[in-house]
Every structure is written in structure tokens, then in C-alpha cells.
């Protein structure tokens, strides 16, 4: 399972519905609130065994994928 597929699984679970995402999908389009975002970050960190930090200013799924790839490469 690649990063995009895993993110789609995590985001769908958090939203409670099947989502279709692409690297161009924005988080505004997905309509997650701040508590959802905290939960999502925690799930991502657990799924990929990484730490993303607290101050992520990301607009798109593609930017999140790049952040995950960077964290995986640096662990």
C-alpha cells in the first residue's frame, strides 16, 4: 500500500465516509475541523512510525505526502 492509499484509508475513517483523494485534493475541500486534523496527524504518525511535529501548514494532500516521505527518509 502506498502513502496515498494509506492516507485515503486514514482520512476516510476519520470522515466516516469513503473519500477519493488525489495529491491535488485540499484539506479545505475535505472539510476537516481542527480536532479532526489532530486525530489525523496522530494516526499518520502511528501508521508510518514517524513524527510530523506540531506546526504543519499544509494545503494539499500532496504536500502531506511530501512531509511523510521526508520524515520516513530521516528516521
C-alpha atoms as a PDB file:
ATOM      1  CA  UNK A   1       0.000   0.000   0.000  1.00  0.00           C
ATOM      2  CA  UNK A   2       1.491   3.345  -0.997  1.00  0.00           C
ATOM      3  CA  UNK A   3       1.309   6.587   1.000  1.00  0.00           C
ATOM      4  CA  UNK A   4      -1.658   7.994  -0.946  1.00  0.00           C
ATOM      5  CA  UNK A   5      -3.679   4.808  -0.446  1.00  0.00           C
ATOM      6  CA  UNK A   6      -2.889   4.744   3.283  1.00  0.00           C
ATOM      7  CA  UNK A   7      -3.827   8.420   3.614  1.00  0.00           C
ATOM      8  CA  UNK A   8      -7.093   7.775   1.791  1.00  0.00           C
ATOM      9  CA  UNK A   9      -7.835   4.989   4.288  1.00  0.00           C
ATOM     10  CA  UNK A  10      -6.995   7.201   7.309  1.00  0.00           C
ATOM     11  CA  UNK A  11      -8.915  10.232   6.025  1.00  0.00           C
ATOM     12  CA  UNK A  12     -11.944   8.127   5.067  1.00  0.00           C
ATOM     13  CA  UNK A  13     -12.008   6.521   8.503  1.00  0.00           C
ATOM     14  CA  UNK A  14     -11.796   9.910  10.208  1.00  0.00           C
ATOM     15  CA  UNK A  15     -14.516  11.408   7.999  1.00  0.00           C
ATOM     16  CA  UNK A  16     -16.767   8.367   8.351  1.00  0.00           C
ATOM     17  CA  UNK A  17     -17.240   8.009   4.617  1.00  0.00           C
ATOM     18  CA  UNK A  18     -15.298   6.733   1.624  1.00  0.00           C
ATOM     19  CA  UNK A  19     -13.216   9.568   0.249  1.00  0.00           C
ATOM     20  CA  UNK A  20     -11.423   9.728  -3.056  1.00  0.00           C
ATOM     21  CA  UNK A  21      -8.319  11.877  -2.789  1.00  0.00           C
ATOM     22  CA  UNK A  22      -5.523  12.913  -5.125  1.00  0.00           C
ATOM     23  CA  UNK A  23      -2.298  14.810  -4.383  1.00  0.00           C
ATOM     24  CA  UNK A  24      -4.154  17.949  -5.528  1.00  0.00           C
ATOM     25  CA  UNK A  25      -7.008  17.499  -3.017  1.00  0.00           C
ATOM     26  CA  UNK A  26      -7.046  20.352  -0.493  1.00  0.00           C
ATOM     27  CA  UNK A  27      -7.844  19.959   3.162  1.00  0.00           C
ATOM     28  CA  UNK A  28     -10.428  22.746   2.801  1.00  0.00           C
ATOM     29  CA  UNK A  29     -12.277  20.553   0.283  1.00  0.00           C
ATOM     30  CA  UNK A  30     -12.327  17.701   2.800  1.00  0.00           C
ATOM     31  CA  UNK A  31     -13.829  19.981   5.489  1.00  0.00           C
ATOM     32  CA  UNK A  32     -11.901  18.659   8.492  1.00  0.00           C
ATOM     33  CA  UNK A  33     -12.021  20.726  11.672  1.00  0.00           C
ATOM     34  CA  UNK A  34      -9.012  21.308  13.931  1.00  0.00           C
ATOM     35  CA  UNK A  35      -9.790  18.313  16.163  1.00  0.00           C
ATOM     36  CA  UNK A  36     -10.036  16.071  13.098  1.00  0.00           C
ATOM     37  CA  UNK A  37      -6.642  17.311  11.954  1.00  0.00           C
ATOM     38  CA  UNK A  38      -5.035  16.466  15.300  1.00  0.00           C
ATOM     39  CA  UNK A  39      -6.527  12.960  15.126  1.00  0.00           C
ATOM     40  CA  UNK A  40      -5.362  12.544  11.532  1.00  0.00           C
ATOM     41  CA  UNK A  41      -1.783  13.557  12.386  1.00  0.00           C
ATOM     42  CA  UNK A  42      -1.722  11.089  15.281  1.00  0.00           C
ATOM     43  CA  UNK A  43      -2.988   8.281  13.038  1.00  0.00           C
ATOM     44  CA  UNK A  44      -0.452   9.123  10.331  1.00  0.00           C
ATOM     45  CA  UNK A  45       2.409   9.179  12.839  1.00  0.00           C
ATOM     46  CA  UNK A  46       1.349   5.781  14.157  1.00  0.00           C
ATOM     47  CA  UNK A  47       0.784   4.238  10.711  1.00  0.00           C
ATOM     48  CA  UNK A  48       4.173   5.330   9.345  1.00  0.00           C
ATOM     49  CA  UNK A  49       6.103   5.252  12.666  1.00  0.00           C
ATOM     50  CA  UNK A  50       7.198   8.874  12.245  1.00  0.00           C
ATOM     51  CA  UNK A  51       6.862  12.243  13.989  1.00  0.00           C
ATOM     52  CA  UNK A  52       5.442  15.108  11.961  1.00  0.00           C
ATOM     53  CA  UNK A  53       5.740  17.867  14.568  1.00  0.00           C
ATOM     54  CA  UNK A  54       3.157  20.403  15.630  1.00  0.00           C
ATOM     55  CA  UNK A  55       3.379  23.259  13.147  1.00  0.00           C
ATOM     56  CA  UNK A  56       2.374  21.807   9.823  1.00  0.00           C
ATOM     57  CA  UNK A  57       0.927  24.377   7.455  1.00  0.00           C
ATOM     58  CA  UNK A  58      -0.176  22.142   4.604  1.00  0.00           C
ATOM     59  CA  UNK A  59      -2.820  22.911   1.999  1.00  0.00           C
ATOM     60  CA  UNK A  60      -2.916  19.762  -0.108  1.00  0.00           C
ATOM     61  CA  UNK A  61      -2.646  16.004   0.239  1.00  0.00           C
ATOM     62  CA  UNK A  62       0.449  16.176  -1.996  1.00  0.00           C
ATOM     63  CA  UNK A  63       2.196  18.461   0.496  1.00  0.00           C
ATOM     64  CA  UNK A  64       1.343  15.995   3.278  1.00  0.00           C
ATOM     65  CA  UNK A  65       2.726  13.107   1.221  1.00  0.00           C
ATOM     66  CA  UNK A  66       5.991  15.031   0.750  1.00  0.00           C
ATOM     67  CA  UNK A  67       6.173  15.681   4.518  1.00  0.00           C
ATOM     68  CA  UNK A  68       5.603  11.990   5.247  1.00  0.00           C
ATOM     69  CA  UNK A  69       8.251  10.941   2.695  1.00  0.00           C
ATOM     70  CA  UNK A  70      10.724  13.388   4.282  1.00  0.00           C
ATOM     71  CA  UNK A  71      10.006  12.086   7.798  1.00  0.00           C
ATOM     72  CA  UNK A  72      10.347   8.455   6.680  1.00  0.00           C
ATOM     73  CA  UNK A  73      13.648   9.207   4.945  1.00  0.00           C
ATOM     74  CA  UNK A  74      15.018  10.977   8.043  1.00  0.00           C
ATOM     75  CA  UNK A  75      14.140   8.317  10.621  1.00  0.00           C
END
